[in-house]
Amino acid sequence: MRVCAVIVIAIFISNNHVYGGSYTSGNELHQHCLKGDGYVNGFLDGFIETFTQYNKSICPPRNSNLGQAVDIYCLYLSKHPEIRHRSSGELAYWALSESWSCG
């Protein structure tokens, strides 16, 4: 399962670079975490909804809510400033899979 998740993330990241697209970095989302402006809520809502449909390496606990996911993600960004330059999607995967592992 982790191999599949890594492949999905690698494809996502490489497609952005191949086509000249830009991606939102963890630095940008960290600023939204500090502002508390709701941007991270929308980002993670879409990420979790999409990612958990196609990949079973993130398993939100029963009765968990979006606020918890935002807390997990924002705390992860705060604790790991050395990797905030990476894609916000990649960082969301690592943050949530660390806290909400299916295994």
C-alpha atoms as a PDB file:
ATOM      1  CA  MET A   1       0.000   0.000   0.000  1.00  0.00           C
ATOM      2  CA  ARG A   2       2.761   2.465   0.883  1.00  0.00           C
ATOM      3  CA  VAL A   3       4.445   1.781  -2.444  1.00  0.00           C
ATOM      4  CA  CYS A   4       1.222   2.677  -4.240  1.00  0.00           C
ATOM      5  CA  ALA A   5       0.903   5.883  -2.226  1.00  0.00           C
ATOM      6  CA  VAL A   6       4.481   6.872  -2.977  1.00  0.00           C
ATOM      7  CA  ILE A   7       3.926   6.225  -6.680  1.00  0.00           C
ATOM      8  CA  VAL A   8       0.753   8.353  -6.690  1.00  0.00           C
ATOM      9  CA  ILE A   9       2.572  11.189  -4.943  1.00  0.00           C
ATOM     10  CA  ALA A  10       5.569  10.896  -7.285  1.00  0.00           C
ATOM     11  CA  ILE A  11       3.312  11.073 -10.333  1.00  0.00           C
ATOM     12  CA  PHE A  12       1.504  14.089  -8.924  1.00  0.00           C
ATOM     13  CA  ILE A  13       4.744  15.923  -8.210  1.00  0.00           C
ATOM     14  CA  SER A  14       6.411  14.988 -11.503  1.00  0.00           C
ATOM     15  CA  ASN A  15       3.369  15.989 -13.559  1.00  0.00           C
ATOM     16  CA  ASN A  16       3.451  19.456 -12.047  1.00  0.00           C
ATOM     17  CA  HIS A  17       7.082  19.877 -13.014  1.00  0.00           C
ATOM     18  CA  VAL A  18       6.845  18.265 -16.455  1.00  0.00           C
ATOM     19  CA  TYR A  19       3.967  20.463 -17.567  1.00  0.00           C
ATOM     20  CA  GLY A  20       5.446  23.580 -16.076  1.00  0.00           C
ATOM     21  CA  GLY A  21       2.666  23.844 -13.525  1.00  0.00           C
ATOM     22  CA  SER A  22       3.283  25.110 -10.088  1.00  0.00           C
ATOM     23  CA  TYR A  23       2.297  23.527  -6.854  1.00  0.00           C
ATOM     24  CA  THR A  24       1.385  24.928  -3.489  1.00  0.00           C
ATOM     25  CA  SER A  25       4.190  24.322  -1.034  1.00  0.00           C
ATOM     26  CA  GLY A  26       3.973  23.523   2.616  1.00  0.00           C
ATOM     27  CA  ASN A  27       5.386  27.000   3.274  1.00  0.00           C
ATOM     28  CA  GLU A  28       2.312  28.550   1.702  1.00  0.00           C
ATOM     29  CA  LEU A  29      -0.094  26.341   3.622  1.00  0.00           C
ATOM     30  CA  HIS A  30       1.826  26.950   6.839  1.00  0.00           C
ATOM     31  CA  GLN A  31       1.052  30.643   6.448  1.00  0.00           C
ATOM     32  CA  HIS A  32      -2.640  29.772   6.082  1.00  0.00           C
ATOM     33  CA  CYS A  33      -2.398  27.622   9.224  1.00  0.00           C
ATOM     34  CA  LEU A  34      -1.033  30.608  11.123  1.00  0.00           C
ATOM     35  CA  LYS A  35      -3.794  32.876   9.782  1.00  0.00           C
ATOM     36  CA  GLY A  36      -6.537  30.346  10.490  1.00  0.00           C
ATOM     37  CA  ASP A  37      -8.363  31.613   7.409  1.00  0.00           C
ATOM     38  CA  GLY A  38     -10.018  28.328   6.411  1.00  0.00           C
ATOM     39  CA  TYR A  39      -7.893  27.720   3.320  1.00  0.00           C
ATOM     40  CA  VAL A  40      -6.323  24.625   4.871  1.00  0.00           C
ATOM     41  CA  ASN A  41      -9.786  23.267   5.696  1.00  0.00           C
ATOM     42  CA  GLY A  42     -10.771  23.360   2.028  1.00  0.00           C
ATOM     43  CA  PHE A  43      -7.458  21.923   0.881  1.00  0.00           C
ATOM     44  CA  LEU A  44      -7.572  18.994   3.310  1.00  0.00           C
ATOM     45  CA  ASP A  45     -11.262  18.317   2.744  1.00  0.00           C
ATOM     46  CA  GLY A  46     -10.557  17.798  -0.952  1.00  0.00           C
ATOM     47  CA  PHE A  47      -7.329  15.907  -0.319  1.00  0.00           C
ATOM     48  CA  ILE A  48      -8.864  13.451   2.151  1.00  0.00           C
ATOM     49  CA  GLU A  49     -12.016  12.904   0.100  1.00  0.00           C
ATOM     50  CA  THR A  50     -10.057  12.173  -3.050  1.00  0.00           C
ATOM     51  CA  PHE A  51      -7.099  10.339  -1.582  1.00  0.00           C
ATOM     52  CA  THR A  52      -9.048   7.934   0.637  1.00  0.00           C
ATOM     53  CA  GLN A  53     -11.220   6.855  -2.301  1.00  0.00           C
ATOM     54  CA  TYR A  54      -8.234   5.542  -4.229  1.00  0.00           C
ATOM     55  CA  ASN A  55      -5.720   4.680  -1.558  1.00  0.00           C
ATOM     56  CA  LYS A  56      -6.085   2.889   1.734  1.00  0.00           C
ATOM     57  CA  SER A  57      -2.926   4.106   3.463  1.00  0.00           C
ATOM     58  CA  ILE A  58      -4.800   6.877   5.296  1.00  0.00           C
ATOM     59  CA  CYS A  59      -7.709   5.765   7.473  1.00  0.00           C
ATOM     60  CA  PRO A  60      -9.374   8.559   9.406  1.00  0.00           C
ATOM     61  CA  PRO A  61     -10.799   7.150  12.641  1.00  0.00           C
ATOM     62  CA  ARG A  62     -14.525   6.822  13.022  1.00  0.00           C
ATOM     63  CA  ASN A  63     -16.033  10.065  14.311  1.00  0.00           C
ATOM     64  CA  SER A  64     -12.933  12.072  13.403  1.00  0.00           C
ATOM     65  CA  ASN A  65     -13.556  15.440  11.831  1.00  0.00           C
ATOM     66  CA  LEU A  66     -11.943  17.915   9.487  1.00  0.00           C
ATOM     67  CA  GLY A  67     -10.776  20.079  12.385  1.00  0.00           C
ATOM     68  CA  GLN A  68      -8.647  17.194  13.642  1.00  0.00           C
ATOM     69  CA  ALA A  69      -7.092  16.728  10.194  1.00  0.00           C
ATOM     70  CA  VAL A  70      -6.272  20.442  10.059  1.00  0.00           C
ATOM     71  CA  ASP A  71      -4.694  20.253  13.515  1.00  0.00           C
ATOM     72  CA  ILE A  72      -2.609  17.226  12.493  1.00  0.00           C
ATOM     73  CA  TYR A  73      -1.468  18.876   9.253  1.00  0.00           C
ATOM     74  CA  CYS A  74      -0.673  22.274  10.747  1.00  0.00           C
ATOM     75  CA  LEU A  75       1.199  20.691  13.662  1.00  0.00           C
ATOM     76  CA  TYR A  76       3.191  18.565  11.195  1.00  0.00           C
ATOM     77  CA  LEU A  77       4.159  21.683   9.227  1.00  0.00           C
ATOM     78  CA  SER A  78       5.198  23.434  12.443  1.00  0.00           C
ATOM     79  CA  LYS A  79       7.321  20.490  13.557  1.00  0.00           C
ATOM     80  CA  HIS A  80       9.027  20.024  10.170  1.00  0.00           C
ATOM     81  CA  PRO A  81      10.152  23.405   8.810  1.00  0.00           C
ATOM     82  CA  GLU A  82      13.035  21.682   7.018  1.00  0.00           C
ATOM     83  CA  ILE A  83      10.645  20.080   4.496  1.00  0.00           C
ATOM     84  CA  ARG A  84       7.962  22.756   4.125  1.00  0.00           C
ATOM     85  CA  HIS A  85       9.317  23.583   0.656  1.00  0.00           C
ATOM     86  CA  ARG A  86       7.786  20.330  -0.591  1.00  0.00           C
ATOM     87  CA  SER A  87       4.366  19.940  -2.175  1.00  0.00           C
ATOM     88  CA  SER A  88       1.433  20.539   0.149  1.00  0.00           C
ATOM     89  CA  GLY A  89      -0.119  17.292  -1.107  1.00  0.00           C
ATOM     90  CA  GLU A  90       2.989  15.267  -0.331  1.00  0.00           C
ATOM     91  CA  LEU A  91       3.139  16.790   3.146  1.00  0.00           C
ATOM     92  CA  ALA A  92      -0.559  16.116   3.721  1.00  0.00           C
ATOM     93  CA  TYR A  93       0.032  12.479   2.869  1.00  0.00           C
ATOM     94  CA  TRP A  94       2.960  12.167   5.289  1.00  0.00           C
ATOM     95  CA  ALA A  95       1.202  14.015   8.105  1.00  0.00           C
ATOM     96  CA  LEU A  96      -2.072  12.113   7.882  1.00  0.00           C
ATOM     97  CA  SER A  97      -0.570   8.687   7.197  1.00  0.00           C
ATOM     98  CA  GLU A  98       1.664   9.107  10.238  1.00  0.00           C
ATOM     99  CA  SER A  99      -1.321   9.873  12.476  1.00  0.00           C
ATOM    100  CA  TRP A 100      -4.073   7.888  10.752  1.00  0.00           C
ATOM    101  CA  SER A 101      -2.276   4.817   9.496  1.00  0.00           C
ATOM    102  CA  CYS A 102      -4.439   1.925   8.361  1.00  0.00           C
ATOM    103  CA  GLY A 103      -2.009  -0.661   9.652  1.00  0.00           C
END
